[in-house]
Amino acid sequence: MELPQVLQYCLKITLVLLGIGHWALVINSSPPAPPASPASFLRSHAKIT
């Protein structure tokens, strides 16, 4: 059963807004970290693996 085009559009917008809200909560609840440069990120990742 196909959903009407408008309903699919509304559903996509709702999912996007929920995703943005979720990530905003995750970012706000996490402690502020210093901005990591790609090189330092790769170095720390290489140490872990």
Protein backbone atom coordinates (compact mmCIF):
# COMPACT_ATOMS: atom_id res chain seq x y z
CA MET A 1 0.00 0.00 0.00
CA GLU A 2 1.56 3.26 -1.18
CA LEU A 3 1.52 6.30 1.05
CA PRO A 4 0.45 9.61 -0.50
CA GLN A 5 3.38 11.78 -1.57
CA VAL A 6 2.56 14.48 1.00
CA LEU A 7 2.50 11.95 3.82
CA GLN A 8 5.90 10.54 2.81
CA TYR A 9 7.28 14.09 2.73
CA CYS A 10 5.94 14.87 6.21
CA LEU A 11 7.34 11.61 7.54
CA LYS A 12 10.81 12.41 6.16
CA ILE A 13 10.77 15.89 7.72
CA THR A 14 9.70 14.42 11.07
CA LEU A 15 12.53 11.86 10.99
CA VAL A 16 15.08 14.53 10.09
CA LEU A 17 13.91 16.82 12.89
CA LEU A 18 14.01 13.94 15.38
CA GLY A 19 17.54 13.10 14.25
CA ILE A 20 18.71 16.69 14.60
CA GLY A 21 17.12 16.97 18.04
CA HIS A 22 18.73 13.72 19.16
CA TRP A 23 22.18 14.81 18.02
CA ALA A 24 21.74 18.24 19.64
CA LEU A 25 20.98 16.47 22.93
CA VAL A 26 24.00 14.19 22.55
CA ILE A 27 26.33 17.11 21.78
CA ASN A 28 24.95 19.27 24.61
CA SER A 29 25.11 16.49 27.22
CA SER A 30 28.69 15.51 26.39
CA PRO A 31 31.50 17.48 28.10
CA PRO A 32 33.04 20.15 25.87
CA ALA A 33 36.10 18.70 24.16
CA PRO A 34 38.85 20.70 22.45
CA PRO A 35 38.48 20.67 18.67
CA ALA A 36 40.62 17.84 17.38
CA SER A 37 42.49 18.18 14.12
CA PRO A 38 42.25 15.26 11.65
CA ALA A 39 45.92 14.43 12.23
CA SER A 40 45.57 14.10 16.01
CA PHE A 41 42.37 12.09 15.53
CA LEU A 42 44.17 9.68 13.19
CA ARG A 43 47.10 9.38 15.62
CA SER A 44 44.84 8.59 18.59
CA HIS A 45 42.87 6.12 16.45
CA ALA A 46 46.09 4.40 15.36
CA LYS A 47 47.12 3.98 19.01
CA ILE A 48 43.82 2.32 19.91
CA THR A 49 43.89 -0.24 17.10
